Amino acid sequence: MPVGAYAVASDTGRRRRRNEDNYVVAPPLFAVADGMGGAQAGEVASQLAASALEAGDSDGLEGTERVDALIQEANRRIYDRAATDPTASGMGTTMTVALVEGMTVAIGHVGDSRAYLVRGERMEQLTEDHSLVNELLKTGKLSEEEAQIHPQRSVITRAVGTDPDVDVDGFTIEAESGDVFLICSDGLSDMVSDEEILELLHRNRDDLDKAVKALVAAANKGGGEDNITAVAFRISSEAAPNLEDTVAMPALTEPEDEPDEQTREYAQDGDAPGDTMIVPPGEAAEAVAHPTADARRVRVVLIGIVLLALVAALVIWWLSR
């Protein structure tokens, strides 16, 4: 098997009470699922997705057909659970899956978790985000700079488990020896630039365990606003390590990085900024027309400042008369 090395790191981040990310590291299969939903539903959804992949019931299919079948099974399990459990209503998850078969890597993707390929000194984002911000970028309604700070950048347009059927983006990559593949949740890609991700992967390409730890630490240093998961594997002619050697990494938030008062409040009420939610592509315009609570608060404050300035100007004008 051409998977020469692999590693995983997952962390709750600095503003979350629970980790709703789940992952699968079972060579030749690798995946990341980022759950969404109220209470603990997001955690349930991503765990159901991971369990469906681990069961691996795909009737002898190969490549993208096998990956698609696995994601469809995950979709069925999550949808059925949400339909029968009121506490799980509306839950869903992103899923990005990679299956290595020889020197071919089959990718299946739903949501805004990402797959990257590092080849030589270059990195390519393999997946396209199914997100509101990406839809606005493609139509020219947002610039790259605006997208980075958009208050609805965590709104996705496609998820696993929210509908009876799910549309999966599937494709294959012809790998080369030395290629490094990274699958990650948006808790990493939203906090760390592509340039820094490439730099950390390239610097630690011979020690993937160190690489994924460095990526999670960088995301926490950048704010850690969401759960962070990074799965990396390298293609080579070397023999793969034993699966038993694969372990989940401990929380990587440094002890001195204690959350501030606002962060502790978010952790208590579960209303941290950037909560993932789903909006169908056709409703993207309506979503833009209805800003998030944070955006509304900013507008209220700005309107208040303008009104105070007008009142002050009227008082000065009246006194001058």
Protein backbone atom coordinates (compact mmCIF):
# COMPACT_ATOMS: atom_id res chain seq x y z
CA MET A 1 0.00 0.00 0.00
CA PRO A 2 1.49 3.36 -1.02
CA VAL A 3 0.48 5.15 2.21
CA GLY A 4 3.88 5.58 3.82
CA ALA A 5 2.86 7.64 6.86
CA TYR A 6 -0.19 9.28 8.38
CA ALA A 7 -1.18 11.28 11.45
CA VAL A 8 -4.18 13.00 13.03
CA ALA A 9 -4.73 15.78 15.54
CA SER A 10 -8.09 17.04 16.83
CA ASP A 11 -8.79 19.79 19.35
CA THR A 12 -11.86 21.55 20.73
CA GLY A 13 -10.30 24.97 20.08
CA ARG A 14 -10.41 27.89 22.48
CA ARG A 15 -14.10 28.83 22.31
CA ARG A 16 -15.91 25.50 22.33
CA ARG A 17 -17.03 23.28 25.16
CA ARG A 18 -17.30 20.08 23.05
CA ASN A 19 -15.53 18.74 20.01
CA GLU A 20 -18.15 18.05 17.31
CA ASP A 21 -15.50 16.99 14.79
CA ASN A 22 -14.91 13.31 14.12
CA TYR A 23 -12.37 11.59 11.91
CA VAL A 24 -11.50 8.22 10.43
CA VAL A 25 -7.90 7.09 10.05
CA ALA A 26 -8.11 3.53 8.74
CA PRO A 27 -5.69 3.21 5.80
CA PRO A 28 -6.45 3.24 2.96
CA LEU A 29 -9.47 5.31 4.12
CA PHE A 30 -9.20 8.76 5.70
CA ALA A 31 -11.97 11.24 6.53
CA VAL A 32 -13.03 14.29 8.53
CA ALA A 33 -16.63 15.10 9.57
CA ASP A 34 -17.61 18.42 11.18
CA GLY A 35 -21.02 18.11 12.85
CA MET A 36 -23.67 20.80 13.19
CA GLY A 37 -26.93 21.07 15.11
CA GLY A 38 -28.31 22.16 18.46
CA ALA A 39 -27.25 20.75 21.83
CA GLN A 40 -25.09 17.67 21.17
CA ALA A 41 -26.68 16.86 17.79
CA GLY A 42 -23.61 17.94 15.83
CA GLU A 43 -21.44 15.54 17.75
CA VAL A 44 -23.98 12.76 17.13
CA ALA A 45 -24.12 13.48 13.39
CA SER A 46 -20.36 13.42 12.87
CA GLN A 47 -20.04 10.26 14.97
CA LEU A 48 -22.73 8.52 12.90
CA ALA A 49 -20.86 9.56 9.76
CA ALA A 50 -17.58 8.16 11.09
CA SER A 51 -19.29 4.91 12.11
CA ALA A 52 -20.73 4.48 8.62
CA LEU A 53 -17.25 4.78 7.12
CA GLU A 54 -15.73 2.40 9.64
CA ALA A 55 -18.42 -0.19 8.86
CA GLY A 56 -17.24 0.01 5.25
CA ASP A 57 -20.26 -1.74 3.70
CA SER A 58 -19.93 -0.74 0.02
CA ASP A 59 -20.66 -4.06 -1.75
CA GLY A 60 -17.25 -4.42 -3.38
CA LEU A 61 -17.34 -0.99 -5.07
CA GLU A 62 -14.11 0.86 -5.80
CA GLY A 63 -12.88 4.41 -6.20
CA THR A 64 -15.37 7.26 -6.23
CA GLU A 65 -18.29 4.82 -6.39
CA ARG A 66 -17.24 3.28 -3.09
CA VAL A 67 -16.69 6.68 -1.48
CA ASP A 68 -20.07 7.90 -2.70
CA ALA A 69 -21.79 4.77 -1.35
CA LEU A 70 -20.17 5.25 2.06
CA ILE A 71 -21.25 8.89 2.26
CA GLN A 72 -24.78 7.99 1.13
CA GLU A 73 -24.94 5.40 3.94
CA ALA A 74 -23.79 8.04 6.42
CA ASN A 75 -26.50 10.36 5.07
CA ARG A 76 -29.16 7.68 5.55
CA ARG A 77 -28.11 6.97 9.15
CA ILE A 78 -28.06 10.63 10.15
CA TYR A 79 -31.32 11.49 8.40
CA ASP A 80 -33.12 8.51 9.96
CA ARG A 81 -31.84 9.41 13.42
CA ALA A 82 -32.90 13.05 13.03
CA ALA A 83 -36.36 11.96 11.87
CA THR A 84 -36.93 9.76 14.93
CA ASP A 85 -35.15 11.71 17.66
CA PRO A 86 -36.58 15.19 18.41
CA THR A 87 -33.34 16.25 20.12
CA ALA A 88 -31.44 15.56 16.90
CA SER A 89 -33.82 17.29 14.50
CA GLY A 90 -32.03 19.25 11.80
CA MET A 91 -28.59 17.87 12.57
CA GLY A 92 -26.04 17.23 9.85
CA THR A 93 -22.35 17.11 9.15
CA THR A 94 -19.74 17.92 6.56
CA MET A 95 -17.78 14.98 5.16
CA THR A 96 -14.52 14.89 3.24
CA VAL A 97 -13.26 11.39 2.49
CA ALA A 98 -10.10 10.10 0.77
CA LEU A 99 -9.63 6.51 -0.36
CA VAL A 100 -6.18 5.39 -1.55
CA GLU A 101 -6.17 2.65 -4.18
CA GLY A 102 -2.74 2.05 -5.64
CA MET A 103 -1.44 5.43 -6.76
CA THR A 104 -4.98 6.79 -7.22
CA VAL A 105 -6.73 8.77 -4.47
CA ALA A 106 -10.53 8.97 -4.70
CA ILE A 107 -12.09 11.98 -2.97
CA GLY A 108 -15.70 12.44 -1.84
CA HIS A 109 -16.80 15.79 -0.44
CA VAL A 110 -19.86 17.49 1.07
CA GLY A 111 -19.75 20.79 3.01
CA ASP A 112 -16.81 23.05 3.84
CA SER A 113 -14.25 20.69 5.31
CA ARG A 114 -11.37 20.60 2.86
CA ALA A 115 -8.84 18.35 1.14
CA TYR A 116 -5.45 19.74 0.11
CA LEU A 117 -2.58 18.27 -1.88
CA VAL A 118 1.03 19.30 -1.26
CA ARG A 119 3.29 18.33 -4.15
CA GLY A 120 6.83 19.60 -4.07
CA GLU A 121 6.68 23.19 -2.87
CA ARG A 122 3.13 23.88 -3.99
CA MET A 123 -0.26 23.26 -2.39
CA GLU A 124 -3.62 22.91 -4.12
CA GLN A 125 -7.07 22.99 -2.55
CA LEU A 126 -8.74 19.94 -4.08
CA THR A 127 -12.30 20.46 -2.82
CA GLU A 128 -14.69 23.35 -3.38
CA ASP A 129 -16.46 24.71 -0.31
CA HIS A 130 -20.22 24.23 -0.36
CA SER A 131 -20.72 27.48 1.50
CA LEU A 132 -22.64 30.74 1.25
CA VAL A 133 -19.42 32.76 1.08
CA ASN A 134 -18.07 30.63 -1.78
CA GLU A 135 -21.33 31.09 -3.69
CA LEU A 136 -20.98 34.86 -3.28
CA LEU A 137 -17.32 34.71 -4.34
CA LYS A 138 -18.18 32.81 -7.52
CA THR A 139 -20.84 35.36 -8.48
CA GLY A 140 -18.52 38.29 -7.80
CA LYS A 141 -20.59 39.64 -4.90
CA LEU A 142 -17.67 39.29 -2.48
CA SER A 143 -13.92 39.82 -2.78
CA GLU A 144 -11.39 37.44 -1.24
CA GLU A 145 -10.70 40.00 1.48
CA GLU A 146 -14.40 40.42 2.29
CA ALA A 147 -14.89 36.65 2.37
CA GLN A 148 -12.25 36.27 5.09
CA ILE A 149 -14.23 38.44 7.53
CA HIS A 150 -17.79 37.80 6.35
CA PRO A 151 -20.05 37.20 9.40
CA GLN A 152 -21.75 34.26 7.63
CA ARG A 153 -18.65 32.41 6.46
CA SER A 154 -19.74 29.33 8.45
CA VAL A 155 -23.04 29.00 6.59
CA ILE A 156 -22.91 25.95 4.31
CA THR A 157 -25.18 25.14 1.37
CA ARG A 158 -24.86 21.35 1.46
CA ALA A 159 -24.55 18.85 4.33
CA VAL A 160 -24.80 15.14 5.04
CA GLY A 161 -27.98 14.05 6.83
CA THR A 162 -30.25 17.06 6.33
CA ASP A 163 -32.14 15.55 3.35
CA PRO A 164 -33.05 12.00 2.25
CA ASP A 165 -30.39 12.15 -0.48
CA VAL A 166 -27.14 14.08 -0.71
CA ASP A 167 -25.19 15.30 -3.73
CA VAL A 168 -21.54 14.23 -3.33
CA ASP A 169 -18.65 15.83 -5.21
CA GLY A 170 -16.49 12.89 -6.30
CA PHE A 171 -13.22 12.84 -8.25
CA THR A 172 -9.85 11.09 -8.39
CA ILE A 173 -6.27 12.31 -8.17
CA GLU A 174 -3.31 10.47 -9.70
CA ALA A 175 -0.78 10.64 -6.87
CA GLU A 176 3.00 10.82 -7.03
CA SER A 177 5.51 9.50 -4.53
CA GLY A 178 6.07 12.14 -1.86
CA ASP A 179 2.62 13.74 -2.19
CA VAL A 180 1.09 14.81 1.12
CA PHE A 181 -2.70 14.97 1.43
CA LEU A 182 -4.38 16.99 4.17
CA ILE A 183 -8.05 16.72 5.18
CA CYS A 184 -9.24 19.30 7.70
CA SER A 185 -12.29 20.93 9.23
CA ASP A 186 -12.96 24.65 8.77
CA GLY A 187 -11.67 25.25 12.29
CA LEU A 188 -8.23 25.01 10.69
CA SER A 189 -8.81 26.60 7.27
CA ASP A 190 -10.70 29.60 8.74
CA MET A 191 -7.96 30.34 11.27
CA VAL A 192 -4.81 29.61 9.25
CA SER A 193 -4.02 30.94 5.77
CA ASP A 194 -3.21 28.58 2.92
CA GLU A 195 0.31 30.01 2.85
CA GLU A 196 0.91 29.11 6.49
CA ILE A 197 -0.67 25.66 6.07
CA LEU A 198 1.73 24.97 3.19
CA GLU A 199 4.70 26.28 5.14
CA LEU A 200 3.96 24.07 8.17
CA LEU A 201 3.30 20.98 6.04
CA HIS A 202 6.37 21.51 3.88
CA ARG A 203 8.60 22.10 6.89
CA ASN A 204 7.34 18.94 8.61
CA ARG A 205 6.59 16.72 5.62
CA ASP A 206 8.91 14.00 6.99
CA ASP A 207 7.17 14.06 10.39
CA LEU A 208 3.41 14.23 9.84
CA ASP A 209 2.70 13.82 13.54
CA LYS A 210 4.61 17.04 14.16
CA ALA A 211 2.93 18.66 11.15
CA VAL A 212 -0.68 18.12 12.30
CA LYS A 213 0.19 19.24 15.84
CA ALA A 214 1.73 22.42 14.42
CA LEU A 215 -1.38 23.07 12.32
CA VAL A 216 -3.73 22.72 15.30
CA ALA A 217 -1.48 24.92 17.43
CA ALA A 218 -1.49 27.58 14.69
CA ALA A 219 -5.30 27.51 14.52
CA ASN A 220 -5.54 27.99 18.28
CA LYS A 221 -2.99 30.79 18.12
CA GLY A 222 -5.12 32.43 15.42
CA GLY A 223 -8.15 32.45 17.71
CA GLY A 224 -9.33 28.84 17.91
CA GLU A 225 -12.94 29.87 17.27
CA ASP A 226 -14.05 26.37 16.24
CA ASN A 227 -13.13 22.72 16.66
CA ILE A 228 -9.95 21.87 14.76
CA THR A 229 -9.16 18.55 13.07
CA ALA A 230 -6.29 17.73 10.70
CA VAL A 231 -5.64 14.36 9.06
CA ALA A 232 -2.52 14.01 6.89
CA PHE A 233 -1.08 11.12 4.91
CA ARG A 234 1.92 10.79 2.61
CA ILE A 235 2.16 8.70 -0.54
CA SER A 236 5.38 6.69 -0.88
CA SER A 237 6.72 3.25 -1.67
CA GLU A 238 7.50 2.61 2.00
CA ALA A 239 5.44 0.14 4.01
CA ALA A 240 2.61 1.68 6.02
CA PRO A 241 2.82 1.64 9.84
CA ASN A 242 0.47 -0.54 11.86
CA LEU A 243 -3.00 0.88 12.39
CA GLU A 244 -2.61 0.18 16.12
CA ASP A 245 0.07 2.87 16.21
CA THR A 246 -2.45 5.54 15.26
CA VAL A 247 -3.75 7.54 18.21
CA ALA A 248 -5.86 10.64 18.68
CA MET A 249 -3.76 13.59 19.76
CA PRO A 250 -4.44 15.30 23.10
CA ALA A 251 -5.82 18.81 23.33
CA LEU A 252 -3.15 21.19 22.12
CA THR A 253 -4.27 24.47 23.70
CA GLU A 254 -1.33 25.74 25.69
CA PRO A 255 -1.91 26.10 29.47
CA GLU A 256 -1.07 29.78 29.33
CA ASP A 257 -3.74 30.34 26.67
CA GLU A 258 -6.58 30.51 29.17
CA PRO A 259 -9.85 31.69 27.58
CA ASP A 260 -10.89 35.26 28.26
CA GLU A 261 -14.18 36.20 29.93
CA GLN A 262 -16.08 36.41 26.64
CA THR A 263 -14.74 32.99 25.63
CA ARG A 264 -15.89 31.47 28.92
CA GLU A 265 -19.37 32.92 28.33
CA TYR A 266 -19.50 31.34 24.88
CA ALA A 267 -18.41 28.00 26.34
CA GLN A 268 -21.20 28.13 28.91
CA ASP A 269 -24.09 28.98 26.62
CA GLY A 270 -22.81 27.22 23.48
CA ASP A 271 -23.42 30.33 21.34
CA ALA A 272 -19.90 30.78 20.06
CA PRO A 273 -19.37 32.82 16.90
CA GLY A 274 -19.07 30.88 13.67
CA ASP A 275 -21.54 28.11 14.49
CA THR A 276 -22.07 26.07 11.33
CA MET A 277 -25.54 26.20 9.83
CA ILE A 278 -26.97 25.16 6.48
CA VAL A 279 -28.79 27.31 3.94
CA PRO A 280 -29.80 25.84 0.55
CA PRO A 281 -28.04 27.52 -2.41
CA GLY A 282 -31.33 28.96 -3.66
CA GLU A 283 -31.79 30.80 -0.37
CA ALA A 284 -28.35 32.41 -0.39
CA ALA A 285 -29.70 35.84 -1.31
CA GLU A 286 -32.22 35.70 1.52
CA ALA A 287 -29.47 34.70 3.96
CA VAL A 288 -27.44 37.73 2.93
CA ALA A 289 -30.49 39.93 3.43
CA HIS A 290 -30.86 38.66 7.01
CA PRO A 291 -27.54 39.31 8.81
CA THR A 292 -26.42 37.34 11.83
CA ALA A 293 -26.96 38.54 15.40
CA ASP A 294 -23.38 39.83 15.61
CA ALA A 295 -23.86 41.88 12.44
CA ARG A 296 -27.17 43.26 13.71
CA ARG A 297 -25.54 44.31 16.98
CA VAL A 298 -22.82 46.16 15.06
CA ARG A 299 -25.45 47.96 12.99
CA VAL A 300 -27.42 48.95 16.10
CA VAL A 301 -24.28 50.39 17.69
CA LEU A 302 -23.38 52.34 14.53
CA ILE A 303 -26.92 53.72 14.22
CA GLY A 304 -26.80 54.74 17.88
CA ILE A 305 -23.52 56.60 17.34
CA VAL A 306 -24.94 58.43 14.32
CA LEU A 307 -28.06 59.44 16.26
CA LEU A 308 -25.99 60.73 19.19
CA ALA A 309 -23.86 62.74 16.78
CA LEU A 310 -26.99 64.28 15.24
CA VAL A 311 -28.41 65.14 18.66
CA ALA A 312 -25.11 66.74 19.68
CA ALA A 313 -25.03 68.77 16.46
CA LEU A 314 -28.60 69.99 17.06
CA VAL A 315 -27.77 70.99 20.64
CA ILE A 316 -24.69 72.93 19.50
CA TRP A 317 -26.72 74.64 16.75
CA TRP A 318 -29.48 75.59 19.22
CA LEU A 319 -27.00 76.99 21.76
CA SER A 320 -25.22 79.01 19.08
CA ARG A 321 -28.54 80.70 18.21
